[in-house]
Structures are given as structure tokens and as C-alpha cells.
Amino acid sequence: MASTIQVRVDDDLKAKSDRLFKDLGTDTTSAIRMFLTQAVLNNGFPFALKRRGIDSNPYAPLSEAEFLEKLELSRGHAEQGKYRDADAIVADMKEK
């Protein structure tokens, strides 16, 4: 048995999401079904929920200690071969 969910959204949001999902090869109903499936699999939202503001700014300056910590982590990843060539990343972006 299948249940029906009805949601009211702004016309502009609906049109934009319909276009987006069509470009991604699906429809809005399937996208909502995917969201619900992922929420159940993740036992919560399938993405991070964050407040907007200074605390969530990914471009906020790092302290010297934070920078050195991230640098050391990056070096460790590089030693383990966990990196991608910049040319490959640029090629992927151009492909998309």
C-alpha cells in the first residue's frame, strides 16, 4: 500500500526544483522519495543543518594552529595516496 504526502510550496520554488530534477534525470516526486529514503538510512537529515552566519562561514580565517593542523592532515592524506590530481579535478568540473 502507498501513502500520499501533500506539500504546499511557492510556485517559483516548484518550477525551479522541477527544472533542476529534470536536468538530473528524475522528477520532483522521485527526488522527494530519494530524500525520505536517505533520511531513514541516515537516521536523520541526509545533509548537515547549519545556521547561517559567521560560525558557518567556510572562508573564515583560520588561526595558525588550525591552519597547521589542517596542513598536517593534508600531508598525511598525501602520504597515503588520498588525493586527486588538479588536472583531473578541473577536467571533472568542465565535464559537468
C-alpha atoms as a PDB file:
ATOM      1  CA  MET A   1       0.000   0.000   0.000  1.00  0.00           C
ATOM      2  CA  ALA A   2       1.298   3.502  -0.814  1.00  0.00           C
ATOM      3  CA  SER A   3       0.585   6.699   1.081  1.00  0.00           C
ATOM      4  CA  THR A   4       0.206  10.188  -0.326  1.00  0.00           C
ATOM      5  CA  ILE A   5       2.020  13.234   1.002  1.00  0.00           C
ATOM      6  CA  GLN A   6       0.821  16.693   0.020  1.00  0.00           C
ATOM      7  CA  VAL A   7       3.095  19.704   0.471  1.00  0.00           C
ATOM      8  CA  ARG A   8       2.399  23.324  -0.402  1.00  0.00           C
ATOM      9  CA  VAL A   9       5.358  25.214  -1.851  1.00  0.00           C
ATOM     10  CA  ASP A  10       5.843  28.521  -3.598  1.00  0.00           C
ATOM     11  CA  ASP A  11       5.172  28.320  -7.364  1.00  0.00           C
ATOM     12  CA  ASP A  12       8.647  29.646  -8.169  1.00  0.00           C
ATOM     13  CA  LEU A  13      10.330  27.064  -5.931  1.00  0.00           C
ATOM     14  CA  LYS A  14       8.281  24.269  -7.529  1.00  0.00           C
ATOM     15  CA  ALA A  15       9.188  25.399 -11.066  1.00  0.00           C
ATOM     16  CA  LYS A  16      12.886  25.713 -10.211  1.00  0.00           C
ATOM     17  CA  SER A  17      13.009  22.337  -8.487  1.00  0.00           C
ATOM     18  CA  ASP A  18      11.130  20.670 -11.360  1.00  0.00           C
ATOM     19  CA  ARG A  19      13.714  22.046 -13.827  1.00  0.00           C
ATOM     20  CA  LEU A  20      16.617  21.019 -11.602  1.00  0.00           C
ATOM     21  CA  PHE A  21      15.400  17.467 -11.125  1.00  0.00           C
ATOM     22  CA  LYS A  22      14.589  17.113 -14.831  1.00  0.00           C
ATOM     23  CA  ASP A  23      18.179  18.174 -15.616  1.00  0.00           C
ATOM     24  CA  LEU A  24      19.328  15.498 -13.155  1.00  0.00           C
ATOM     25  CA  GLY A  25      17.262  12.866 -14.966  1.00  0.00           C
ATOM     26  CA  THR A  26      14.455  12.471 -12.458  1.00  0.00           C
ATOM     27  CA  ASP A  27      11.286  14.215 -11.321  1.00  0.00           C
ATOM     28  CA  THR A  28      10.279  16.022  -8.151  1.00  0.00           C
ATOM     29  CA  THR A  29       8.253  13.103  -6.798  1.00  0.00           C
ATOM     30  CA  SER A  30      11.212  10.731  -7.196  1.00  0.00           C
ATOM     31  CA  ALA A  31      13.562  13.304  -5.645  1.00  0.00           C
ATOM     32  CA  ILE A  32      11.302  13.585  -2.590  1.00  0.00           C
ATOM     33  CA  ARG A  33      11.173   9.786  -2.365  1.00  0.00           C
ATOM     34  CA  MET A  34      15.010   9.722  -2.511  1.00  0.00           C
ATOM     35  CA  PHE A  35      15.192  12.339   0.250  1.00  0.00           C
ATOM     36  CA  LEU A  36      12.881  10.312   2.507  1.00  0.00           C
ATOM     37  CA  THR A  37      14.808   7.093   1.805  1.00  0.00           C
ATOM     38  CA  GLN A  38      18.129   8.755   2.639  1.00  0.00           C
ATOM     39  CA  ALA A  39      16.664  10.320   5.804  1.00  0.00           C
ATOM     40  CA  VAL A  40      15.628   6.865   7.020  1.00  0.00           C
ATOM     41  CA  LEU A  41      19.006   5.340   6.064  1.00  0.00           C
ATOM     42  CA  ASN A  42      20.889   8.173   7.819  1.00  0.00           C
ATOM     43  CA  ASN A  43      18.533   8.153  10.799  1.00  0.00           C
ATOM     44  CA  GLY A  44      18.177  11.922  10.318  1.00  0.00           C
ATOM     45  CA  PHE A  45      18.578  14.550   7.663  1.00  0.00           C
ATOM     46  CA  PRO A  46      20.814  13.341   4.825  1.00  0.00           C
ATOM     47  CA  PHE A  47      22.759  16.618   4.941  1.00  0.00           C
ATOM     48  CA  ALA A  48      24.181  18.907   7.598  1.00  0.00           C
ATOM     49  CA  LEU A  49      21.876  21.534   9.062  1.00  0.00           C
ATOM     50  CA  LYS A  50      23.709  24.735   9.899  1.00  0.00           C
ATOM     51  CA  ARG A  51      22.786  28.216  10.943  1.00  0.00           C
ATOM     52  CA  ARG A  52      23.850  30.952   8.599  1.00  0.00           C
ATOM     53  CA  GLY A  53      26.332  33.388   9.974  1.00  0.00           C
ATOM     54  CA  ILE A  54      29.917  33.820  10.980  1.00  0.00           C
ATOM     55  CA  ASP A  55      30.134  30.395  12.647  1.00  0.00           C
ATOM     56  CA  SER A  56      29.331  28.576   9.417  1.00  0.00           C
ATOM     57  CA  ASN A  57      31.490  30.641   7.050  1.00  0.00           C
ATOM     58  CA  PRO A  58      33.854  28.219   5.283  1.00  0.00           C
ATOM     59  CA  TYR A  59      36.060  31.162   4.295  1.00  0.00           C
ATOM     60  CA  ALA A  60      36.563  32.493   7.803  1.00  0.00           C
ATOM     61  CA  PRO A  61      40.255  32.939   8.610  1.00  0.00           C
ATOM     62  CA  LEU A  62      41.964  30.104  10.448  1.00  0.00           C
ATOM     63  CA  SER A  63      44.206  30.535  13.440  1.00  0.00           C
ATOM     64  CA  GLU A  64      47.813  29.468  12.935  1.00  0.00           C
ATOM     65  CA  ALA A  65      47.176  26.321  14.996  1.00  0.00           C
ATOM     66  CA  GLU A  66      44.072  25.422  12.933  1.00  0.00           C
ATOM     67  CA  PHE A  67      45.986  26.009   9.699  1.00  0.00           C
ATOM     68  CA  LEU A  68      48.911  23.842  10.809  1.00  0.00           C
ATOM     69  CA  GLU A  69      46.504  21.100  11.925  1.00  0.00           C
ATOM     70  CA  LYS A  70      44.785  21.071   8.510  1.00  0.00           C
ATOM     71  CA  LEU A  71      48.146  21.148   6.752  1.00  0.00           C
ATOM     72  CA  GLU A  72      49.366  18.135   8.732  1.00  0.00           C
ATOM     73  CA  LEU A  73      46.147  16.265   7.961  1.00  0.00           C
ATOM     74  CA  SER A  74      46.595  17.036   4.251  1.00  0.00           C
ATOM     75  CA  ARG A  75      50.182  15.816   4.308  1.00  0.00           C
ATOM     76  CA  GLY A  76      49.057  12.578   5.930  1.00  0.00           C
ATOM     77  CA  HIS A  77      46.424  12.084   3.228  1.00  0.00           C
ATOM     78  CA  ALA A  78      49.010  12.747   0.506  1.00  0.00           C
ATOM     79  CA  GLU A  79      51.373  10.164   2.007  1.00  0.00           C
ATOM     80  CA  GLN A  80      48.530   7.631   1.900  1.00  0.00           C
ATOM     81  CA  GLY A  81      47.757   8.472  -1.728  1.00  0.00           C
ATOM     82  CA  LYS A  82      44.442  10.086  -0.779  1.00  0.00           C
ATOM     83  CA  TYR A  83      44.497  12.976  -3.198  1.00  0.00           C
ATOM     84  CA  ARG A  84      43.371  13.853  -6.714  1.00  0.00           C
ATOM     85  CA  ASP A  85      45.440  15.472  -9.407  1.00  0.00           C
ATOM     86  CA  ALA A  86      44.384  19.102 -10.015  1.00  0.00           C
ATOM     87  CA  ASP A  87      44.112  18.478 -13.773  1.00  0.00           C
ATOM     88  CA  ALA A  88      41.646  15.636 -13.115  1.00  0.00           C
ATOM     89  CA  ILE A  89      39.534  17.875 -10.873  1.00  0.00           C
ATOM     90  CA  VAL A  90      39.454  20.659 -13.482  1.00  0.00           C
ATOM     91  CA  ALA A  91      38.513  18.123 -16.182  1.00  0.00           C
ATOM     92  CA  ASP A  92      35.646  16.835 -13.996  1.00  0.00           C
ATOM     93  CA  MET A  93      34.363  20.378 -13.441  1.00  0.00           C
ATOM     94  CA  LYS A  94      34.475  21.145 -17.152  1.00  0.00           C
ATOM     95  CA  GLU A  95      32.633  17.905 -17.899  1.00  0.00           C
ATOM     96  CA  LYS A  96      29.804  18.850 -15.560  1.00  0.00           C
END
